[in-house]
């Protein structure tokens, strides 16, 4: 469904050039929930944003259902992006628009007729179970409700692929569990492939079928969670995260433990 081949993305700062994503390849099957986990600065969010070319890679290929997005012109890429929804950490809702109008926004840009927009908006609100918030403004919503509206907005275009960039890191544990259950339901009922980035092992471990661990811009290890008993983690950090999840829920904390033991 999704193939990243030899993705390289670098940035130049005051101290020179840095390869944030360094020759990364991975494959996501149709219907998978695929996790990318790593410490702060590992390159995971940059890698995620290369999938829909919000960050255009310096080199490499991004294949979505047999089409290399990096080779498309502006109009073709805009159409291809209609197959990809995205959920961000900080919701990015427009404060002076109601819930209805926030969800409507991407459809307005796409030129979808008003009647069809209404049908899709109500359909998306039903998926996240917030039909009663249709005329409410974001300031009146809880953090969990805001993220559910952001999910509804991402789903309104009926995408085949959903990208989630740290979607639960601004939420409390109970709300995090609720959002993860919504993502699982969306994956199961709507057959949408999901790629989720996180620095929390519990997040990816609870819903993902496969997890890639990023370290300094490269994929250190990829594990099939369904076959963990047959394929134990090899890298130090993966062993700590997967075998001691309660002590090391976050990758940054896990790295701290490793450094303390050096």
C-alpha atoms as a PDB file:
ATOM      1  CA  UNK A   1       0.000   0.000   0.000  1.00  0.00           C
ATOM      2  CA  UNK A   2       2.786   2.396   1.036  1.00  0.00           C
ATOM      3  CA  UNK A   3       6.474   2.042   0.207  1.00  0.00           C
ATOM      4  CA  UNK A   4       9.236   4.444   1.214  1.00  0.00           C
ATOM      5  CA  UNK A   5      12.462   3.779  -0.666  1.00  0.00           C
ATOM      6  CA  UNK A   6      15.808   5.298   0.363  1.00  0.00           C
ATOM      7  CA  UNK A   7      14.329   8.498   1.785  1.00  0.00           C
ATOM      8  CA  UNK A   8      16.912  11.195   2.543  1.00  0.00           C
ATOM      9  CA  UNK A   9      15.982  14.533   4.097  1.00  0.00           C
ATOM     10  CA  UNK A  10      18.542  17.006   5.383  1.00  0.00           C
ATOM     11  CA  UNK A  11      18.478  20.492   6.867  1.00  0.00           C
ATOM     12  CA  UNK A  12      21.251  23.059   6.993  1.00  0.00           C
ATOM     13  CA  UNK A  13      21.760  25.042  10.170  1.00  0.00           C
ATOM     14  CA  UNK A  14      24.392  27.353  11.610  1.00  0.00           C
ATOM     15  CA  UNK A  15      26.583  24.357  12.411  1.00  0.00           C
ATOM     16  CA  UNK A  16      26.257  22.739   8.984  1.00  0.00           C
ATOM     17  CA  UNK A  17      24.144  20.091   7.289  1.00  0.00           C
ATOM     18  CA  UNK A  18      22.273  17.404   9.214  1.00  0.00           C
ATOM     19  CA  UNK A  19      20.671  14.296   7.704  1.00  0.00           C
ATOM     20  CA  UNK A  20      17.424  14.167   9.696  1.00  0.00           C
ATOM     21  CA  UNK A  21      16.198  11.144   7.715  1.00  0.00           C
ATOM     22  CA  UNK A  22      19.049   9.073   6.323  1.00  0.00           C
ATOM     23  CA  UNK A  23      18.328   6.514   3.592  1.00  0.00           C
ATOM     24  CA  UNK A  24      15.162   5.123   5.202  1.00  0.00           C
ATOM     25  CA  UNK A  25      13.057   2.421   3.550  1.00  0.00           C
ATOM     26  CA  UNK A  26       9.925   0.812   4.937  1.00  0.00           C
ATOM     27  CA  UNK A  27       6.770  -0.929   3.755  1.00  0.00           C
ATOM     28  CA  UNK A  28       3.240  -0.548   5.133  1.00  0.00           C
ATOM     29  CA  UNK A  29       0.622  -3.103   4.125  1.00  0.00           C
ATOM     30  CA  UNK A  30      -2.965  -2.243   3.304  1.00  0.00           C
ATOM     31  CA  UNK A  31      -5.037  -2.198   6.497  1.00  0.00           C
ATOM     32  CA  UNK A  32      -2.002  -2.064   8.810  1.00  0.00           C
ATOM     33  CA  UNK A  33      -1.611   0.178  11.826  1.00  0.00           C
ATOM     34  CA  UNK A  34       2.098   0.908  11.565  1.00  0.00           C
ATOM     35  CA  UNK A  35       4.042   2.638  14.333  1.00  0.00           C
ATOM     36  CA  UNK A  36       7.200   4.736  14.133  1.00  0.00           C
ATOM     37  CA  UNK A  37       8.767   5.364  17.531  1.00  0.00           C
ATOM     38  CA  UNK A  38      11.871   7.277  18.523  1.00  0.00           C
ATOM     39  CA  UNK A  39      13.371   9.780  20.918  1.00  0.00           C
ATOM     40  CA  UNK A  40      13.055  13.534  20.415  1.00  0.00           C
ATOM     41  CA  UNK A  41      15.026  14.530  17.307  1.00  0.00           C
ATOM     42  CA  UNK A  42      15.197  11.007  15.888  1.00  0.00           C
ATOM     43  CA  UNK A  43      13.570  12.148  12.621  1.00  0.00           C
ATOM     44  CA  UNK A  44      10.249  10.328  12.988  1.00  0.00           C
ATOM     45  CA  UNK A  45       7.944  13.321  12.414  1.00  0.00           C
ATOM     46  CA  UNK A  46      10.021  14.486   9.454  1.00  0.00           C
ATOM     47  CA  UNK A  47       9.781  10.992   7.972  1.00  0.00           C
ATOM     48  CA  UNK A  48       6.007  11.001   8.453  1.00  0.00           C
ATOM     49  CA  UNK A  49       5.695  14.345   6.679  1.00  0.00           C
ATOM     50  CA  UNK A  50       7.624  13.038   3.669  1.00  0.00           C
ATOM     51  CA  UNK A  51       4.799  10.569   3.050  1.00  0.00           C
ATOM     52  CA  UNK A  52       2.401  13.299   1.897  1.00  0.00           C
ATOM     53  CA  UNK A  53       5.310  15.484   0.777  1.00  0.00           C
ATOM     54  CA  UNK A  54       4.694  18.214   3.344  1.00  0.00           C
ATOM     55  CA  UNK A  55       8.446  17.680   3.600  1.00  0.00           C
ATOM     56  CA  UNK A  56       9.761  16.868   0.149  1.00  0.00           C
ATOM     57  CA  UNK A  57      12.677  14.423   0.454  1.00  0.00           C
ATOM     58  CA  UNK A  58      16.041  15.370  -1.023  1.00  0.00           C
ATOM     59  CA  UNK A  59      16.099  11.950  -2.649  1.00  0.00           C
ATOM     60  CA  UNK A  60      14.169   8.700  -2.548  1.00  0.00           C
ATOM     61  CA  UNK A  61      10.700   7.560  -3.581  1.00  0.00           C
ATOM     62  CA  UNK A  62       7.281   7.571  -1.918  1.00  0.00           C
ATOM     63  CA  UNK A  63       4.975   4.959  -3.452  1.00  0.00           C
ATOM     64  CA  UNK A  64       1.264   5.030  -2.607  1.00  0.00           C
ATOM     65  CA  UNK A  65      -0.772   2.273  -4.236  1.00  0.00           C
ATOM     66  CA  UNK A  66       1.679   1.928  -7.111  1.00  0.00           C
ATOM     67  CA  UNK A  67       2.243   5.657  -7.746  1.00  0.00           C
ATOM     68  CA  UNK A  68       5.474   7.472  -6.877  1.00  0.00           C
ATOM     69  CA  UNK A  69       4.256  10.741  -5.360  1.00  0.00           C
ATOM     70  CA  UNK A  70       7.646  12.392  -5.795  1.00  0.00           C
ATOM     71  CA  UNK A  71       7.238  12.236  -9.574  1.00  0.00           C
ATOM     72  CA  UNK A  72       3.807  13.934  -9.692  1.00  0.00           C
ATOM     73  CA  UNK A  73       3.112  17.470 -10.857  1.00  0.00           C
ATOM     74  CA  UNK A  74       1.338  19.977  -8.602  1.00  0.00           C
ATOM     75  CA  UNK A  75      -2.207  19.137  -9.750  1.00  0.00           C
ATOM     76  CA  UNK A  76      -1.639  15.365  -9.656  1.00  0.00           C
ATOM     77  CA  UNK A  77      -0.056  15.609  -6.206  1.00  0.00           C
ATOM     78  CA  UNK A  78      -2.984  17.657  -4.906  1.00  0.00           C
ATOM     79  CA  UNK A  79      -5.366  14.931  -6.072  1.00  0.00           C
ATOM     80  CA  UNK A  80      -3.185  12.182  -4.589  1.00  0.00           C
ATOM     81  CA  UNK A  81      -3.108  13.992  -1.242  1.00  0.00           C
ATOM     82  CA  UNK A  82      -6.885  13.633  -1.165  1.00  0.00           C
ATOM     83  CA  UNK A  83      -6.229   9.961  -0.336  1.00  0.00           C
ATOM     84  CA  UNK A  84      -4.146  10.927   2.728  1.00  0.00           C
ATOM     85  CA  UNK A  85      -5.565  12.344   5.956  1.00  0.00           C
ATOM     86  CA  UNK A  86      -3.380  13.781   8.718  1.00  0.00           C
ATOM     87  CA  UNK A  87      -3.840  14.261  12.459  1.00  0.00           C
ATOM     88  CA  UNK A  88      -1.496  16.529  14.391  1.00  0.00           C
ATOM     89  CA  UNK A  89      -0.438  16.756  18.018  1.00  0.00           C
ATOM     90  CA  UNK A  90      -1.978  20.184  18.630  1.00  0.00           C
ATOM     91  CA  UNK A  91      -5.320  19.779  16.814  1.00  0.00           C
ATOM     92  CA  UNK A  92      -4.938  22.907  14.581  1.00  0.00           C
ATOM     93  CA  UNK A  93      -8.614  23.817  14.800  1.00  0.00           C
ATOM     94  CA  UNK A  94      -9.714  27.278  13.636  1.00  0.00           C
ATOM     95  CA  UNK A  95     -10.967  29.022  16.779  1.00  0.00           C
ATOM     96  CA  UNK A  96     -13.498  31.336  15.081  1.00  0.00           C
ATOM     97  CA  UNK A  97     -15.142  28.442  13.197  1.00  0.00           C
ATOM     98  CA  UNK A  98     -17.676  26.017  14.616  1.00  0.00           C
ATOM     99  CA  UNK A  99     -17.010  22.285  14.689  1.00  0.00           C
ATOM    100  CA  UNK A 100     -19.110  21.952  11.520  1.00  0.00           C
ATOM    101  CA  UNK A 101     -17.121  24.656   9.718  1.00  0.00           C
ATOM    102  CA  UNK A 102     -13.762  23.262  10.872  1.00  0.00           C
ATOM    103  CA  UNK A 103     -14.583  19.871   9.388  1.00  0.00           C
ATOM    104  CA  UNK A 104     -15.980  21.548   6.287  1.00  0.00           C
ATOM    105  CA  UNK A 105     -12.788  23.491   5.578  1.00  0.00           C
ATOM    106  CA  UNK A 106     -10.846  20.870   3.535  1.00  0.00           C
ATOM    107  CA  UNK A 107     -13.970  20.103   1.497  1.00  0.00           C
ATOM    108  CA  UNK A 108     -14.449  23.791   0.738  1.00  0.00           C
ATOM    109  CA  UNK A 109     -10.879  23.993  -0.545  1.00  0.00           C
ATOM    110  CA  UNK A 110     -11.516  20.892  -2.691  1.00  0.00           C
ATOM    111  CA  UNK A 111     -14.657  22.484  -4.159  1.00  0.00           C
ATOM    112  CA  UNK A 112     -17.074  19.833  -2.862  1.00  0.00           C
ATOM    113  CA  UNK A 113     -20.724  20.960  -3.308  1.00  0.00           C
ATOM    114  CA  UNK A 114     -22.548  22.194  -0.196  1.00  0.00           C
ATOM    115  CA  UNK A 115     -25.053  19.315   0.002  1.00  0.00           C
ATOM    116  CA  UNK A 116     -22.321  16.679  -0.248  1.00  0.00           C
ATOM    117  CA  UNK A 117     -20.217  18.567   2.296  1.00  0.00           C
ATOM    118  CA  UNK A 118     -23.060  18.387   4.801  1.00  0.00           C
ATOM    119  CA  UNK A 119     -23.487  14.631   4.292  1.00  0.00           C
ATOM    120  CA  UNK A 120     -19.773  13.966   4.746  1.00  0.00           C
ATOM    121  CA  UNK A 121     -19.458  16.229   7.798  1.00  0.00           C
ATOM    122  CA  UNK A 122     -22.335  14.546   9.608  1.00  0.00           C
ATOM    123  CA  UNK A 123     -20.945  11.151   8.614  1.00  0.00           C
ATOM    124  CA  UNK A 124     -17.526  12.042  10.083  1.00  0.00           C
ATOM    125  CA  UNK A 125     -19.042  13.416  13.296  1.00  0.00           C
ATOM    126  CA  UNK A 126     -20.976  10.177  13.733  1.00  0.00           C
ATOM    127  CA  UNK A 127     -17.735   8.174  13.440  1.00  0.00           C
ATOM    128  CA  UNK A 128     -16.180  10.097  16.365  1.00  0.00           C
ATOM    129  CA  UNK A 129     -19.494  10.238  18.253  1.00  0.00           C
ATOM    130  CA  UNK A 130     -19.703  14.033  18.522  1.00  0.00           C
ATOM    131  CA  UNK A 131     -22.872  14.806  16.598  1.00  0.00           C
ATOM    132  CA  UNK A 132     -24.069  17.007  19.474  1.00  0.00           C
ATOM    133  CA  UNK A 133     -21.081  19.377  19.074  1.00  0.00           C
ATOM    134  CA  UNK A 134     -21.833  20.403  15.511  1.00  0.00           C
ATOM    135  CA  UNK A 135     -22.360  24.130  16.281  1.00  0.00           C
ATOM    136  CA  UNK A 136     -19.895  24.398  19.169  1.00  0.00           C
ATOM    137  CA  UNK A 137     -16.688  26.456  18.946  1.00  0.00           C
ATOM    138  CA  UNK A 138     -13.298  24.828  19.793  1.00  0.00           C
ATOM    139  CA  UNK A 139     -12.880  26.878  22.992  1.00  0.00           C
ATOM    140  CA  UNK A 140     -15.815  24.960  24.488  1.00  0.00           C
ATOM    141  CA  UNK A 141     -14.292  21.534  23.817  1.00  0.00           C
ATOM    142  CA  UNK A 142     -12.027  19.381  25.978  1.00  0.00           C
ATOM    143  CA  UNK A 143      -8.637  18.260  24.643  1.00  0.00           C
ATOM    144  CA  UNK A 144      -9.989  14.829  23.798  1.00  0.00           C
ATOM    145  CA  UNK A 145     -12.990  16.302  21.993  1.00  0.00           C
ATOM    146  CA  UNK A 146     -10.708  18.606  19.992  1.00  0.00           C
ATOM    147  CA  UNK A 147      -8.633  15.647  18.871  1.00  0.00           C
ATOM    148  CA  UNK A 148     -11.772  13.731  17.897  1.00  0.00           C
ATOM    149  CA  UNK A 149     -12.862  16.721  15.789  1.00  0.00           C
ATOM    150  CA  UNK A 150      -9.398  16.747  14.205  1.00  0.00           C
ATOM    151  CA  UNK A 151      -9.888  13.047  13.403  1.00  0.00           C
ATOM    152  CA  UNK A 152     -13.300  13.799  11.879  1.00  0.00           C
ATOM    153  CA  UNK A 153     -11.747  16.541   9.743  1.00  0.00           C
ATOM    154  CA  UNK A 154      -9.074  14.109   8.531  1.00  0.00           C
ATOM    155  CA  UNK A 155     -11.717  11.496   7.672  1.00  0.00           C
ATOM    156  CA  UNK A 156     -14.113  13.813   5.854  1.00  0.00           C
ATOM    157  CA  UNK A 157     -12.229  13.391   2.566  1.00  0.00           C
ATOM    158  CA  UNK A 158     -12.582   9.599   2.946  1.00  0.00           C
ATOM    159  CA  UNK A 159      -8.841   8.891   2.794  1.00  0.00           C
ATOM    160  CA  UNK A 160      -7.193   5.518   2.280  1.00  0.00           C
ATOM    161  CA  UNK A 161      -4.217   6.425   4.488  1.00  0.00           C
ATOM    162  CA  UNK A 162      -4.242   8.274   7.811  1.00  0.00           C
ATOM    163  CA  UNK A 163      -1.033   9.837   9.178  1.00  0.00           C
ATOM    164  CA  UNK A 164      -0.930  10.557  12.925  1.00  0.00           C
ATOM    165  CA  UNK A 165       1.849  12.770  14.283  1.00  0.00           C
ATOM    166  CA  UNK A 166       2.011  12.321  18.086  1.00  0.00           C
ATOM    167  CA  UNK A 167      -1.829  12.397  18.260  1.00  0.00           C
ATOM    168  CA  UNK A 168      -2.022  11.648  21.996  1.00  0.00           C
ATOM    169  CA  UNK A 169       0.989  13.418  23.511  1.00  0.00           C
ATOM    170  CA  UNK A 170      -1.076  16.448  24.611  1.00  0.00           C
ATOM    171  CA  UNK A 171      -3.727  14.259  26.291  1.00  0.00           C
ATOM    172  CA  UNK A 172      -4.132  12.630  29.689  1.00  0.00           C
ATOM    173  CA  UNK A 173      -3.893   8.809  29.938  1.00  0.00           C
ATOM    174  CA  UNK A 174      -7.650   8.163  29.972  1.00  0.00           C
ATOM    175  CA  UNK A 175      -8.248  10.381  26.937  1.00  0.00           C
ATOM    176  CA  UNK A 176      -5.253   8.809  25.194  1.00  0.00           C
ATOM    177  CA  UNK A 177      -6.875   5.392  25.543  1.00  0.00           C
ATOM    178  CA  UNK A 178     -10.121   6.745  24.132  1.00  0.00           C
ATOM    179  CA  UNK A 179      -8.399   8.253  21.076  1.00  0.00           C
ATOM    180  CA  UNK A 180      -6.481   5.027  20.426  1.00  0.00           C
ATOM    181  CA  UNK A 181      -9.723   3.042  20.541  1.00  0.00           C
ATOM    182  CA  UNK A 182     -11.231   5.439  17.983  1.00  0.00           C
ATOM    183  CA  UNK A 183      -8.241   4.894  15.699  1.00  0.00           C
ATOM    184  CA  UNK A 184      -8.584   1.124  16.030  1.00  0.00           C
ATOM    185  CA  UNK A 185     -12.298   1.340  15.202  1.00  0.00           C
ATOM    186  CA  UNK A 186     -11.578   3.526  12.184  1.00  0.00           C
ATOM    187  CA  UNK A 187      -8.971   1.062  10.968  1.00  0.00           C
ATOM    188  CA  UNK A 188     -11.290  -1.925  11.445  1.00  0.00           C
ATOM    189  CA  UNK A 189     -14.589  -0.465  10.216  1.00  0.00           C
ATOM    190  CA  UNK A 190     -13.385   1.829   7.427  1.00  0.00           C
ATOM    191  CA  UNK A 191     -10.359  -0.275   6.358  1.00  0.00           C
ATOM    192  CA  UNK A 192      -8.089   2.783   6.536  1.00  0.00           C
ATOM    193  CA  UNK A 193      -4.345   2.171   6.775  1.00  0.00           C
ATOM    194  CA  UNK A 194      -2.777   4.142   9.640  1.00  0.00           C
ATOM    195  CA  UNK A 195       0.798   5.283  10.260  1.00  0.00           C
ATOM    196  CA  UNK A 196       1.307   6.669  13.762  1.00  0.00           C
ATOM    197  CA  UNK A 197       4.373   8.445  15.165  1.00  0.00           C
ATOM    198  CA  UNK A 198       4.952   8.502  18.905  1.00  0.00           C
ATOM    199  CA  UNK A 199       7.637   8.623  21.588  1.00  0.00           C
ATOM    200  CA  UNK A 200       5.501   6.460  23.887  1.00  0.00           C
ATOM    201  CA  UNK A 201       5.867   2.696  23.740  1.00  0.00           C
ATOM    202  CA  UNK A 202       2.423   2.130  25.247  1.00  0.00           C
ATOM    203  CA  UNK A 203       0.784   4.037  22.390  1.00  0.00           C
ATOM    204  CA  UNK A 204       2.289   2.050  19.523  1.00  0.00           C
ATOM    205  CA  UNK A 205       2.383  -1.200  21.480  1.00  0.00           C
ATOM    206  CA  UNK A 206      -1.350  -1.093  22.159  1.00  0.00           C
ATOM    207  CA  UNK A 207      -2.629  -0.693  18.595  1.00  0.00           C
ATOM    208  CA  UNK A 208       0.137  -1.270  16.027  1.00  0.00           C
ATOM    209  CA  UNK A 209       0.765  -4.425  14.013  1.00  0.00           C
ATOM    210  CA  UNK A 210       4.340  -3.376  13.194  1.00  0.00           C
ATOM    211  CA  UNK A 211       6.700  -0.863  14.792  1.00  0.00           C
ATOM    212  CA  UNK A 212       9.884   0.718  13.446  1.00  0.00           C
ATOM    213  CA  UNK A 213      12.310   2.227  15.934  1.00  0.00           C
ATOM    214  CA  UNK A 214      14.084   5.337  14.594  1.00  0.00           C
ATOM    215  CA  UNK A 215      17.435   6.367  15.953  1.00  0.00           C
ATOM    216  CA  UNK A 216      19.410   9.370  14.618  1.00  0.00           C
ATOM    217  CA  UNK A 217      17.583   9.420  11.308  1.00  0.00           C
ATOM    218  CA  UNK A 218      17.717   5.709  10.516  1.00  0.00           C
ATOM    219  CA  UNK A 219      15.508   2.703  11.230  1.00  0.00           C
ATOM    220  CA  UNK A 220      17.367   0.787  13.931  1.00  0.00           C
ATOM    221  CA  UNK A 221      14.904  -2.099  14.002  1.00  0.00           C
ATOM    222  CA  UNK A 222      11.430  -3.092  12.807  1.00  0.00           C
ATOM    223  CA  UNK A 223       9.331  -5.554  14.788  1.00  0.00           C
ATOM    224  CA  UNK A 224       6.175  -7.437  13.895  1.00  0.00           C
ATOM    225  CA  UNK A 225       4.273  -7.243  17.177  1.00  0.00           C
ATOM    226  CA  UNK A 226       2.143 -10.258  16.311  1.00  0.00           C
ATOM    227  CA  UNK A 227       5.288 -12.386  16.097  1.00  0.00           C
ATOM    228  CA  UNK A 228       7.286 -10.991  19.011  1.00  0.00           C
ATOM    229  CA  UNK A 229       7.668 -14.386  20.654  1.00  0.00           C
ATOM    230  CA  UNK A 230       9.334 -15.717  17.526  1.00  0.00           C
ATOM    231  CA  UNK A 231      11.369 -12.572  16.810  1.00  0.00           C
ATOM    232  CA  UNK A 232      12.789 -10.952  19.921  1.00  0.00           C
ATOM    233  CA  UNK A 233      14.210  -7.393  19.764  1.00  0.00           C
ATOM    234  CA  UNK A 234      17.921  -7.163  18.928  1.00  0.00           C
ATOM    235  CA  UNK A 235      18.946  -3.562  19.660  1.00  0.00           C
ATOM    236  CA  UNK A 236      19.479  -2.414  23.253  1.00  0.00           C
ATOM    237  CA  UNK A 237      16.838   0.282  23.081  1.00  0.00           C
ATOM    238  CA  UNK A 238      14.247  -2.047  21.544  1.00  0.00           C
ATOM    239  CA  UNK A 239      14.868  -4.670  24.224  1.00  0.00           C
ATOM    240  CA  UNK A 240      14.366  -2.063  26.933  1.00  0.00           C
ATOM    241  CA  UNK A 241      11.202  -0.675  25.373  1.00  0.00           C
ATOM    242  CA  UNK A 242       9.565  -3.991  24.544  1.00  0.00           C
ATOM    243  CA  UNK A 243      10.618  -6.037  27.531  1.00  0.00           C
ATOM    244  CA  UNK A 244      10.396  -3.343  30.218  1.00  0.00           C
ATOM    245  CA  UNK A 245       7.515  -1.250  28.972  1.00  0.00           C
ATOM    246  CA  UNK A 246       6.258  -0.246  32.409  1.00  0.00           C
ATOM    247  CA  UNK A 247       9.644   1.120  33.476  1.00  0.00           C
ATOM    248  CA  UNK A 248      10.357   2.778  30.131  1.00  0.00           C
ATOM    249  CA  UNK A 249       7.119   4.082  28.669  1.00  0.00           C
ATOM    250  CA  UNK A 250       8.826   6.886  26.749  1.00  0.00           C
ATOM    251  CA  UNK A 251      11.782   6.508  24.411  1.00  0.00           C
ATOM    252  CA  UNK A 252      13.552   9.571  25.834  1.00  0.00           C
ATOM    253  CA  UNK A 253      13.351   8.035  29.312  1.00  0.00           C
ATOM    254  CA  UNK A 254      14.570   4.683  27.995  1.00  0.00           C
ATOM    255  CA  UNK A 255      17.635   6.331  26.487  1.00  0.00           C
ATOM    256  CA  UNK A 256      18.255   7.949  29.863  1.00  0.00           C
ATOM    257  CA  UNK A 257      18.258   4.513  31.463  1.00  0.00           C
ATOM    258  CA  UNK A 258      20.757   3.224  28.918  1.00  0.00           C
ATOM    259  CA  UNK A 259      23.082   6.196  29.412  1.00  0.00           C
ATOM    260  CA  UNK A 260      22.884   5.738  33.201  1.00  0.00           C
ATOM    261  CA  UNK A 261      24.047   2.143  32.797  1.00  0.00           C
ATOM    262  CA  UNK A 262      26.984   2.962  30.502  1.00  0.00           C
END
